[in-house]
Amino acid sequence: MLSSEERKSQIHQKLTQTFAPLALDIIDDSAKHRGHSGHGGAGHFSVRIIATTFAGHTLVKRHRLVYAALQELIGPEIHALSIEARTPDEVKDYE
């Protein structure tokens, strides 16, 4: 089982390799869910990613692409994932 920082690093690495994002924020929300059953120690994360890769894709497809990139972490390291996936054109200030 990885530490929170190791999980965030793994998520960052996989999303960066897959999407070459212009902006990427990863927040560990696990503390908000402490004591909830069923996650076996895996973390809760929120991801905000801005990448040109998402152009022309529906919201559902964007989420599927993110889940596919993180597939090997879902379950053992990621219990829950909140995703905001946008293109640069959809966000005025992505810096």
PDB file of N, CA and C in Angstrom:
ATOM      1  N   MET A   1       0.839  -1.168   0.000  1.00  0.00           N
ATOM      2  CA  MET A   1       0.000   0.000   0.000  1.00  0.00           C
ATOM      3  C   MET A   1       0.895   1.246   0.000  1.00  0.00           C
ATOM      4  N   LEU A   2       0.630   2.165  -0.898  1.00  0.00           N
ATOM      5  CA  LEU A   2       1.427   3.380  -1.031  1.00  0.00           C
ATOM      6  C   LEU A   2       0.975   4.447  -0.032  1.00  0.00           C
ATOM      7  N   SER A   3       1.871   5.390   0.258  1.00  0.00           N
ATOM      8  CA  SER A   3       1.493   6.555   1.065  1.00  0.00           C
ATOM      9  C   SER A   3       0.678   7.506   0.194  1.00  0.00           C
ATOM     10  N   SER A   4       0.065   8.488   0.816  1.00  0.00           N
ATOM     11  CA  SER A   4      -0.727   9.478   0.081  1.00  0.00           C
ATOM     12  C   SER A   4       0.123  10.188  -0.977  1.00  0.00           C
ATOM     13  N   GLU A   5       1.313  10.594  -0.598  1.00  0.00           N
ATOM     14  CA  GLU A   5       2.188  11.304  -1.550  1.00  0.00           C
ATOM     15  C   GLU A   5       2.631  10.385  -2.686  1.00  0.00           C
ATOM     16  N   GLU A   6       2.881   9.121  -2.380  1.00  0.00           N
ATOM     17  CA  GLU A   6       3.253   8.167  -3.429  1.00  0.00           C
ATOM     18  C   GLU A   6       2.083   7.937  -4.382  1.00  0.00           C
ATOM     19  N   ARG A   7       0.871   7.864  -3.852  1.00  0.00           N
ATOM     20  CA  ARG A   7      -0.319   7.703  -4.699  1.00  0.00           C
ATOM     21  C   ARG A   7      -0.483   8.909  -5.616  1.00  0.00           C
ATOM     22  N   LYS A   8      -0.362  10.102  -5.037  1.00  0.00           N
ATOM     23  CA  LYS A   8      -0.488  11.318  -5.839  1.00  0.00           C
ATOM     24  C   LYS A   8       0.584  11.355  -6.926  1.00  0.00           C
ATOM     25  N   SER A   9       1.775  10.936  -6.600  1.00  0.00           N
ATOM     26  CA  SER A   9       2.863  10.897  -7.576  1.00  0.00           C
ATOM     27  C   SER A   9       2.563   9.924  -8.710  1.00  0.00           C
ATOM     28  N   GLN A  10       2.046   8.755  -8.364  1.00  0.00           N
ATOM     29  CA  GLN A  10       1.681   7.757  -9.380  1.00  0.00           C
ATOM     30  C   GLN A  10       0.571   8.286 -10.287  1.00  0.00           C
ATOM     31  N   ILE A  11      -0.439   8.904  -9.688  1.00  0.00           N
ATOM     32  CA  ILE A  11      -1.537   9.475 -10.475  1.00  0.00           C
ATOM     33  C   ILE A  11      -0.992  10.546 -11.411  1.00  0.00           C
ATOM     34  N   HIS A  12      -0.162  11.432 -10.860  1.00  0.00           N
ATOM     35  CA  HIS A  12       0.427  12.509 -11.665  1.00  0.00           C
ATOM     36  C   HIS A  12       1.229  11.945 -12.837  1.00  0.00           C
ATOM     37  N   GLN A  13       2.057  10.961 -12.563  1.00  0.00           N
ATOM     38  CA  GLN A  13       2.905  10.363 -13.596  1.00  0.00           C
ATOM     39  C   GLN A  13       2.058   9.753 -14.711  1.00  0.00           C
ATOM     40  N   LYS A  14       1.056   8.975 -14.362  1.00  0.00           N
ATOM     41  CA  LYS A  14       0.241   8.298 -15.373  1.00  0.00           C
ATOM     42  C   LYS A  14      -0.582   9.286 -16.193  1.00  0.00           C
ATOM     43  N   LEU A  15      -1.156  10.285 -15.551  1.00  0.00           N
ATOM     44  CA  LEU A  15      -1.957  11.259 -16.291  1.00  0.00           C
ATOM     45  C   LEU A  15      -1.083  12.146 -17.166  1.00  0.00           C
ATOM     46  N   THR A  16       0.106  12.482 -16.677  1.00  0.00           N
ATOM     47  CA  THR A  16       1.029  13.297 -17.474  1.00  0.00           C
ATOM     48  C   THR A  16       1.511  12.530 -18.700  1.00  0.00           C
ATOM     49  N   GLN A  17       1.853  11.269 -18.525  1.00  0.00           N
ATOM     50  CA  GLN A  17       2.298  10.449 -19.648  1.00  0.00           C
ATOM     51  C   GLN A  17       1.200  10.257 -20.683  1.00  0.00           C
ATOM     52  N   THR A  18      -0.023  10.098 -20.234  1.00  0.00           N
ATOM     53  CA  THR A  18      -1.130   9.802 -21.131  1.00  0.00           C
ATOM     54  C   THR A  18      -1.661  11.041 -21.838  1.00  0.00           C
ATOM     55  N   PHE A  19      -1.777  12.164 -21.127  1.00  0.00           N
ATOM     56  CA  PHE A  19      -2.481  13.323 -21.672  1.00  0.00           C
ATOM     57  C   PHE A  19      -1.618  14.554 -21.928  1.00  0.00           C
ATOM     58  N   ALA A  20      -0.400  14.607 -21.425  1.00  0.00           N
ATOM     59  CA  ALA A  20       0.443  15.811 -21.522  1.00  0.00           C
ATOM     60  C   ALA A  20      -0.392  17.048 -21.185  1.00  0.00           C
ATOM     61  N   PRO A  21      -0.953  17.093 -19.976  1.00  0.00           N
ATOM     62  CA  PRO A  21      -1.882  18.171 -19.632  1.00  0.00           C
ATOM     63  C   PRO A  21      -1.214  19.540 -19.522  1.00  0.00           C
ATOM     64  N   LEU A  22      -2.012  20.562 -19.791  1.00  0.00           N
ATOM     65  CA  LEU A  22      -1.563  21.936 -19.601  1.00  0.00           C
ATOM     66  C   LEU A  22      -1.670  22.316 -18.129  1.00  0.00           C
ATOM     67  N   ALA A  23      -2.573  21.676 -17.418  1.00  0.00           N
ATOM     68  CA  ALA A  23      -2.715  21.865 -15.976  1.00  0.00           C
ATOM     69  C   ALA A  23      -3.214  20.565 -15.371  1.00  0.00           C
ATOM     70  N   LEU A  24      -2.735  20.272 -14.178  1.00  0.00           N
ATOM     71  CA  LEU A  24      -3.134  19.049 -13.488  1.00  0.00           C
ATOM     72  C   LEU A  24      -3.070  19.296 -11.983  1.00  0.00           C
ATOM     73  N   ASP A  25      -4.215  19.158 -11.331  1.00  0.00           N
ATOM     74  CA  ASP A  25      -4.293  19.277  -9.878  1.00  0.00           C
ATOM     75  C   ASP A  25      -4.827  17.962  -9.328  1.00  0.00           C
ATOM     76  N   ILE A  26      -4.167  17.449  -8.310  1.00  0.00           N
ATOM     77  CA  ILE A  26      -4.581  16.210  -7.663  1.00  0.00           C
ATOM     78  C   ILE A  26      -4.716  16.495  -6.171  1.00  0.00           C
ATOM     79  N   ILE A  27      -5.905  16.242  -5.646  1.00  0.00           N
ATOM     80  CA  ILE A  27      -6.170  16.491  -4.237  1.00  0.00           C
ATOM     81  C   ILE A  27      -6.543  15.178  -3.571  1.00  0.00           C
ATOM     82  N   ASP A  28      -5.885  14.899  -2.462  1.00  0.00           N
ATOM     83  CA  ASP A  28      -6.207  13.709  -1.684  1.00  0.00           C
ATOM     84  C   ASP A  28      -7.331  14.074  -0.717  1.00  0.00           C
ATOM     85  N   ASP A  29      -8.512  13.550  -0.971  1.00  0.00           N
ATOM     86  CA  ASP A  29      -9.696  13.807  -0.151  1.00  0.00           C
ATOM     87  C   ASP A  29      -9.921  12.711   0.889  1.00  0.00           C
ATOM     88  N   SER A  30      -8.964  11.848   1.088  1.00  0.00           N
ATOM     89  CA  SER A  30      -9.132  10.682   1.958  1.00  0.00           C
ATOM     90  C   SER A  30      -9.527  11.043   3.383  1.00  0.00           C
ATOM     91  N   ALA A  31      -8.988  12.135   3.907  1.00  0.00           N
ATOM     92  CA  ALA A  31      -9.286  12.513   5.288  1.00  0.00           C
ATOM     93  C   ALA A  31     -10.773  12.785   5.498  1.00  0.00           C
ATOM     94  N   LYS A  32     -11.458  13.226   4.455  1.00  0.00           N
ATOM     95  CA  LYS A  32     -12.899  13.490   4.539  1.00  0.00           C
ATOM     96  C   LYS A  32     -13.696  12.194   4.676  1.00  0.00           C
ATOM     97  N   HIS A  33     -13.073  11.083   4.326  1.00  0.00           N
ATOM     98  CA  HIS A  33     -13.772   9.794   4.292  1.00  0.00           C
ATOM     99  C   HIS A  33     -13.231   8.799   5.314  1.00  0.00           C
ATOM    100  N   ARG A  34     -12.424   9.278   6.215  1.00  0.00           N
ATOM    101  CA  ARG A  34     -11.827   8.417   7.244  1.00  0.00           C
ATOM    102  C   ARG A  34     -12.934   7.700   8.021  1.00  0.00           C
ATOM    103  N   GLY A  35     -12.769   6.405   8.171  1.00  0.00           N
ATOM    104  CA  GLY A  35     -13.742   5.611   8.903  1.00  0.00           C
ATOM    105  C   GLY A  35     -14.820   4.984   8.037  1.00  0.00           C
ATOM    106  N   HIS A  36     -14.894   5.381   6.767  1.00  0.00           N
ATOM    107  CA  HIS A  36     -15.866   4.758   5.874  1.00  0.00           C
ATOM    108  C   HIS A  36     -15.413   3.335   5.570  1.00  0.00           C
ATOM    109  N   SER A  37     -16.335   2.432   5.532  1.00  0.00           N
ATOM    110  CA  SER A  37     -15.981   1.035   5.269  1.00  0.00           C
ATOM    111  C   SER A  37     -15.876   0.777   3.771  1.00  0.00           C
ATOM    112  N   GLY A  38     -15.203  -0.282   3.425  1.00  0.00           N
ATOM    113  CA  GLY A  38     -15.192  -0.751   2.045  1.00  0.00           C
ATOM    114  C   GLY A  38     -14.040  -0.305   1.180  1.00  0.00           C
ATOM    115  N   HIS A  39     -13.191   0.591   1.656  1.00  0.00           N
ATOM    116  CA  HIS A  39     -12.110   1.029   0.763  1.00  0.00           C
ATOM    117  C   HIS A  39     -10.786   0.359   1.050  1.00  0.00           C
ATOM    118  N   GLY A  40     -10.665  -0.398   2.100  1.00  0.00           N
ATOM    119  CA  GLY A  40      -9.466  -1.178   2.376  1.00  0.00           C
ATOM    120  C   GLY A  40      -8.193  -0.374   2.451  1.00  0.00           C
ATOM    121  N   GLY A  41      -8.276   0.903   2.775  1.00  0.00           N
ATOM    122  CA  GLY A  41      -7.093   1.731   2.885  1.00  0.00           C
ATOM    123  C   GLY A  41      -6.750   2.508   1.637  1.00  0.00           C
ATOM    124  N   ALA A  42      -7.432   2.248   0.533  1.00  0.00           N
ATOM    125  CA  ALA A  42      -7.186   2.992  -0.698  1.00  0.00           C
ATOM    126  C   ALA A  42      -7.725   4.408  -0.545  1.00  0.00           C
ATOM    127  N   GLY A  43      -7.206   5.335  -1.353  1.00  0.00           N
ATOM    128  CA  GLY A  43      -7.525   6.741  -1.186  1.00  0.00           C
ATOM    129  C   GLY A  43      -8.670   7.271  -2.025  1.00  0.00           C
ATOM    130  N   HIS A  44      -9.138   8.440  -1.611  1.00  0.00           N
ATOM    131  CA  HIS A  44     -10.156   9.205  -2.325  1.00  0.00           C
ATOM    132  C   HIS A  44      -9.448  10.421  -2.923  1.00  0.00           C
ATOM    133  N   PHE A  45      -9.587  10.627  -4.220  1.00  0.00           N
ATOM    134  CA  PHE A  45      -8.888  11.716  -4.886  1.00  0.00           C
ATOM    135  C   PHE A  45      -9.815  12.512  -5.789  1.00  0.00           C
ATOM    136  N   SER A  46      -9.479  13.798  -5.916  1.00  0.00           N
ATOM    137  CA  SER A  46     -10.114  14.676  -6.899  1.00  0.00           C
ATOM    138  C   SER A  46      -9.031  15.073  -7.891  1.00  0.00           C
ATOM    139  N   VAL A  47      -9.378  14.999  -9.167  1.00  0.00           N
ATOM    140  CA  VAL A  47      -8.427  15.338 -10.223  1.00  0.00           C
ATOM    141  C   VAL A  47      -9.048  16.418 -11.100  1.00  0.00           C
ATOM    142  N   ARG A  48      -8.303  17.472 -11.319  1.00  0.00           N
ATOM    143  CA  ARG A  48      -8.674  18.507 -12.288  1.00  0.00           C
ATOM    144  C   ARG A  48      -7.587  18.509 -13.339  1.00  0.00           C
ATOM    145  N   ILE A  49      -7.973  18.177 -14.580  1.00  0.00           N
ATOM    146  CA  ILE A  49      -7.001  18.054 -15.651  1.00  0.00           C
ATOM    147  C   ILE A  49      -7.486  18.825 -16.870  1.00  0.00           C
ATOM    148  N   ILE A  50      -6.578  19.589 -17.453  1.00  0.00           N
ATOM    149  CA  ILE A  50      -6.868  20.355 -18.656  1.00  0.00           C
ATOM    150  C   ILE A  50      -5.904  19.885 -19.731  1.00  0.00           C
ATOM    151  N   ALA A  51      -6.478  19.337 -20.814  1.00  0.00           N
ATOM    152  CA  ALA A  51      -5.645  18.787 -21.884  1.00  0.00           C
ATOM    153  C   ALA A  51      -6.372  18.893 -23.224  1.00  0.00           C
ATOM    154  N   THR A  52      -5.610  19.126 -24.264  1.00  0.00           N
ATOM    155  CA  THR A  52      -6.195  19.203 -25.605  1.00  0.00           C
ATOM    156  C   THR A  52      -6.753  17.854 -26.047  1.00  0.00           C
ATOM    157  N   THR A  53      -6.270  16.785 -25.452  1.00  0.00           N
ATOM    158  CA  THR A  53      -6.726  15.426 -25.771  1.00  0.00           C
ATOM    159  C   THR A  53      -8.234  15.276 -25.632  1.00  0.00           C
ATOM    160  N   PHE A  54      -8.843  16.042 -24.744  1.00  0.00           N
ATOM    161  CA  PHE A  54     -10.272  15.894 -24.476  1.00  0.00           C
ATOM    162  C   PHE A  54     -11.168  16.561 -25.517  1.00  0.00           C
ATOM    163  N   ALA A  55     -10.596  17.322 -26.420  1.00  0.00           N
ATOM    164  CA  ALA A  55     -11.398  18.011 -27.442  1.00  0.00           C
ATOM    165  C   ALA A  55     -12.192  16.998 -28.263  1.00  0.00           C
ATOM    166  N   GLY A  56     -13.465  17.296 -28.436  1.00  0.00           N
ATOM    167  CA  GLY A  56     -14.330  16.442 -29.232  1.00  0.00           C
ATOM    168  C   GLY A  56     -14.905  15.246 -28.502  1.00  0.00           C
ATOM    169  N   HIS A  57     -14.545  15.078 -27.237  1.00  0.00           N
ATOM    170  CA  HIS A  57     -15.046  13.948 -26.446  1.00  0.00           C
ATOM    171  C   HIS A  57     -16.121  14.411 -25.467  1.00  0.00           C
ATOM    172  N   THR A  58     -17.101  13.559 -25.252  1.00  0.00           N
ATOM    173  CA  THR A  58     -18.134  13.846 -24.261  1.00  0.00           C
ATOM    174  C   THR A  58     -17.546  13.732 -22.866  1.00  0.00           C
ATOM    175  N   LEU A  59     -18.288  14.236 -21.889  1.00  0.00           N
ATOM    176  CA  LEU A  59     -17.858  14.146 -20.498  1.00  0.00           C
ATOM    177  C   LEU A  59     -17.639  12.694 -20.082  1.00  0.00           C
ATOM    178  N   VAL A  60     -18.550  11.816 -20.477  1.00  0.00           N
ATOM    179  CA  VAL A  60     -18.428  10.393 -20.132  1.00  0.00           C
ATOM    180  C   VAL A  60     -17.162   9.802 -20.753  1.00  0.00           C
ATOM    181  N   LYS A  61     -16.889  10.118 -21.996  1.00  0.00           N
ATOM    182  CA  LYS A  61     -15.694   9.600 -22.666  1.00  0.00           C
ATOM    183  C   LYS A  61     -14.425  10.119 -21.992  1.00  0.00           C
ATOM    184  N   ARG A  62     -14.419  11.380 -21.586  1.00  0.00           N
ATOM    185  CA  ARG A  62     -13.260  11.949 -20.894  1.00  0.00           C
ATOM    186  C   ARG A  62     -12.993  11.198 -19.587  1.00  0.00           C
ATOM    187  N   HIS A  63     -14.063  10.929 -18.853  1.00  0.00           N
ATOM    188  CA  HIS A  63     -13.903  10.189 -17.598  1.00  0.00           C
ATOM    189  C   HIS A  63     -13.382   8.777 -17.870  1.00  0.00           C
ATOM    190  N   ARG A  64     -13.882   8.155 -18.904  1.00  0.00           N
ATOM    191  CA  ARG A  64     -13.403   6.808 -19.265  1.00  0.00           C
ATOM    192  C   ARG A  64     -11.929   6.829 -19.628  1.00  0.00           C
ATOM    193  N   LEU A  65     -11.485   7.867 -20.329  1.00  0.00           N
ATOM    194  CA  LEU A  65     -10.068   7.983 -20.684  1.00  0.00           C
ATOM    195  C   LEU A  65      -9.197   8.122 -19.441  1.00  0.00           C
ATOM    196  N   VAL A  66      -9.650   8.922 -18.478  1.00  0.00           N
ATOM    197  CA  VAL A  66      -8.895   9.097 -17.228  1.00  0.00           C
ATOM    198  C   VAL A  66      -8.861   7.785 -16.449  1.00  0.00           C
ATOM    199  N   TYR A  67     -10.013   7.119 -16.331  1.00  0.00           N
ATOM    200  CA  TYR A  67     -10.051   5.834 -15.627  1.00  0.00           C
ATOM    201  C   TYR A  67      -9.142   4.803 -16.314  1.00  0.00           C
ATOM    202  N   ALA A  68      -9.122   4.806 -17.632  1.00  0.00           N
ATOM    203  CA  ALA A  68      -8.258   3.865 -18.367  1.00  0.00           C
ATOM    204  C   ALA A  68      -6.786   4.136 -18.062  1.00  0.00           C
ATOM    205  N   ALA A  69      -6.414   5.414 -17.993  1.00  0.00           N
ATOM    206  CA  ALA A  69      -5.021   5.770 -17.703  1.00  0.00           C
ATOM    207  C   ALA A  69      -4.612   5.330 -16.295  1.00  0.00           C
ATOM    208  N   LEU A  70      -5.585   5.308 -15.386  1.00  0.00           N
ATOM    209  CA  LEU A  70      -5.296   4.968 -13.982  1.00  0.00           C
ATOM    210  C   LEU A  70      -5.726   3.554 -13.614  1.00  0.00           C
ATOM    211  N   GLN A  71      -6.055   2.757 -14.591  1.00  0.00           N
ATOM    212  CA  GLN A  71      -6.652   1.431 -14.379  1.00  0.00           C
ATOM    213  C   GLN A  71      -5.931   0.586 -13.338  1.00  0.00           C
ATOM    214  N   GLU A  72      -4.623   0.523 -13.382  1.00  0.00           N
ATOM    215  CA  GLU A  72      -3.903  -0.364 -12.455  1.00  0.00           C
ATOM    216  C   GLU A  72      -3.896   0.162 -11.017  1.00  0.00           C
ATOM    217  N   LEU A  73      -4.240   1.436 -10.825  1.00  0.00           N
ATOM    218  CA  LEU A  73      -4.295   2.004  -9.476  1.00  0.00           C
ATOM    219  C   LEU A  73      -5.697   1.936  -8.875  1.00  0.00           C
ATOM    220  N   ILE A  74      -6.716   1.807  -9.728  1.00  0.00           N
ATOM    221  CA  ILE A  74      -8.087   1.749  -9.246  1.00  0.00           C
ATOM    222  C   ILE A  74      -8.267   0.439  -8.478  1.00  0.00           C
ATOM    223  N   GLY A  75      -8.715   0.561  -7.273  1.00  0.00           N
ATOM    224  CA  GLY A  75      -8.879  -0.617  -6.416  1.00  0.00           C
ATOM    225  C   GLY A  75      -7.817  -0.659  -5.343  1.00  0.00           C
ATOM    226  N   PRO A  76      -6.578  -1.031  -5.705  1.00  0.00           N
ATOM    227  CA  PRO A  76      -5.581  -1.150  -4.648  1.00  0.00           C
ATOM    228  C   PRO A  76      -5.138   0.192  -4.062  1.00  0.00           C
ATOM    229  N   GLU A  77      -5.088   1.242  -4.861  1.00  0.00           N
ATOM    230  CA  GLU A  77      -4.579   2.536  -4.397  1.00  0.00           C
ATOM    231  C   GLU A  77      -5.619   3.654  -4.455  1.00  0.00           C
ATOM    232  N   ILE A  78      -6.574   3.553  -5.369  1.00  0.00           N
ATOM    233  CA  ILE A  78      -7.622   4.570  -5.510  1.00  0.00           C
ATOM    234  C   ILE A  78      -8.968   3.903  -5.275  1.00  0.00           C
ATOM    235  N   HIS A  79      -9.664   4.366  -4.255  1.00  0.00           N
ATOM    236  CA  HIS A  79     -10.997   3.845  -3.958  1.00  0.00           C
ATOM    237  C   HIS A  79     -12.068   4.678  -4.658  1.00  0.00           C
ATOM    238  N   ALA A  80     -11.893   5.997  -4.659  1.00  0.00           N
ATOM    239  CA  ALA A  80     -12.865   6.901  -5.263  1.00  0.00           C
ATOM    240  C   ALA A  80     -12.125   8.013  -5.985  1.00  0.00           C
ATOM    241  N   LEU A  81     -12.701   8.437  -7.122  1.00  0.00           N
ATOM    242  CA  LEU A  81     -12.050   9.439  -7.951  1.00  0.00           C
ATOM    243  C   LEU A  81     -13.092  10.414  -8.483  1.00  0.00           C
ATOM    244  N   SER A  82     -12.890  11.685  -8.183  1.00  0.00           N
ATOM    245  CA  SER A  82     -13.715  12.750  -8.728  1.00  0.00           C
ATOM    246  C   SER A  82     -12.906  13.398  -9.848  1.00  0.00           C
ATOM    247  N   ILE A  83     -13.516  13.560 -11.023  1.00  0.00           N
ATOM    248  CA  ILE A  83     -12.771  14.019 -12.196  1.00  0.00           C
ATOM    249  C   ILE A  83     -13.407  15.274 -12.791  1.00  0.00           C
ATOM    250  N   GLU A  84     -12.572  16.271 -13.032  1.00  0.00           N
ATOM    251  CA  GLU A  84     -12.941  17.419 -13.848  1.00  0.00           C
ATOM    252  C   GLU A  84     -11.951  17.429 -15.013  1.00  0.00           C
ATOM    253  N   ALA A  85     -12.423  17.075 -16.208  1.00  0.00           N
ATOM    254  CA  ALA A  85     -11.560  16.975 -17.386  1.00  0.00           C
ATOM    255  C   ALA A  85     -12.055  17.959 -18.436  1.00  0.00           C
ATOM    256  N   ARG A  86     -11.222  18.928 -18.761  1.00  0.00           N
ATOM    257  CA  ARG A  86     -11.613  19.997 -19.689  1.00  0.00           C
ATOM    258  C   ARG A  86     -10.526  20.254 -20.730  1.00  0.00           C
ATOM    259  N   THR A  87     -10.927  20.959 -21.773  1.00  0.00           N
ATOM    260  CA  THR A  87      -9.971  21.415 -22.774  1.00  0.00           C
ATOM    261  C   THR A  87      -9.565  22.844 -22.423  1.00  0.00           C
ATOM    262  N   PRO A  88      -8.453  23.334 -22.960  1.00  0.00           N
ATOM    263  CA  PRO A  88      -8.057  24.717 -22.690  1.00  0.00           C
ATOM    264  C   PRO A  88      -9.137  25.722 -23.111  1.00  0.00           C
ATOM    265  N   ASP A  89      -9.848  25.435 -24.176  1.00  0.00           N
ATOM    266  CA  ASP A  89     -10.902  26.352 -24.657  1.00  0.00           C
ATOM    267  C   ASP A  89     -12.066  26.458 -23.677  1.00  0.00           C
ATOM    268  N   GLU A  90     -12.233  25.469 -22.820  1.00  0.00           N
ATOM    269  CA  GLU A  90     -13.340  25.452 -21.864  1.00  0.00           C
ATOM    270  C   GLU A  90     -12.997  26.149 -20.550  1.00  0.00           C
ATOM    271  N   VAL A  91     -11.754  26.547 -20.421  1.00  0.00           N
ATOM    272  CA  VAL A  91     -11.300  27.157 -19.174  1.00  0.00           C
ATOM    273  C   VAL A  91     -10.562  28.447 -19.518  1.00  0.00           C
ATOM    274  N   LYS A  92     -11.021  29.550 -18.968  1.00  0.00           N
ATOM    275  CA  LYS A  92     -10.392  30.832 -19.275  1.00  0.00           C
ATOM    276  C   LYS A  92      -8.975  30.915 -18.735  1.00  0.00           C
ATOM    277  N   ASP A  93      -8.824  30.574 -17.474  1.00  0.00           N
ATOM    278  CA  ASP A  93      -7.522  30.696 -16.825  1.00  0.00           C
ATOM    279  C   ASP A  93      -7.115  29.343 -16.268  1.00  0.00           C
ATOM    280  N   TYR A  94      -6.285  28.613 -16.996  1.00  0.00           N
ATOM    281  CA  TYR A  94      -5.894  27.284 -16.560  1.00  0.00           C
ATOM    282  C   TYR A  94      -4.538  27.239 -15.887  1.00  0.00           C
ATOM    283  N   GLU A  95      -3.975  28.375 -15.585  1.00  0.00           N
ATOM    284  CA  GLU A  95      -2.669  28.390 -14.933  1.00  0.00           C
ATOM    285  C   GLU A  95      -2.771  28.356 -13.442  1.00  0.00           C
TER     286      GLU A  95
END
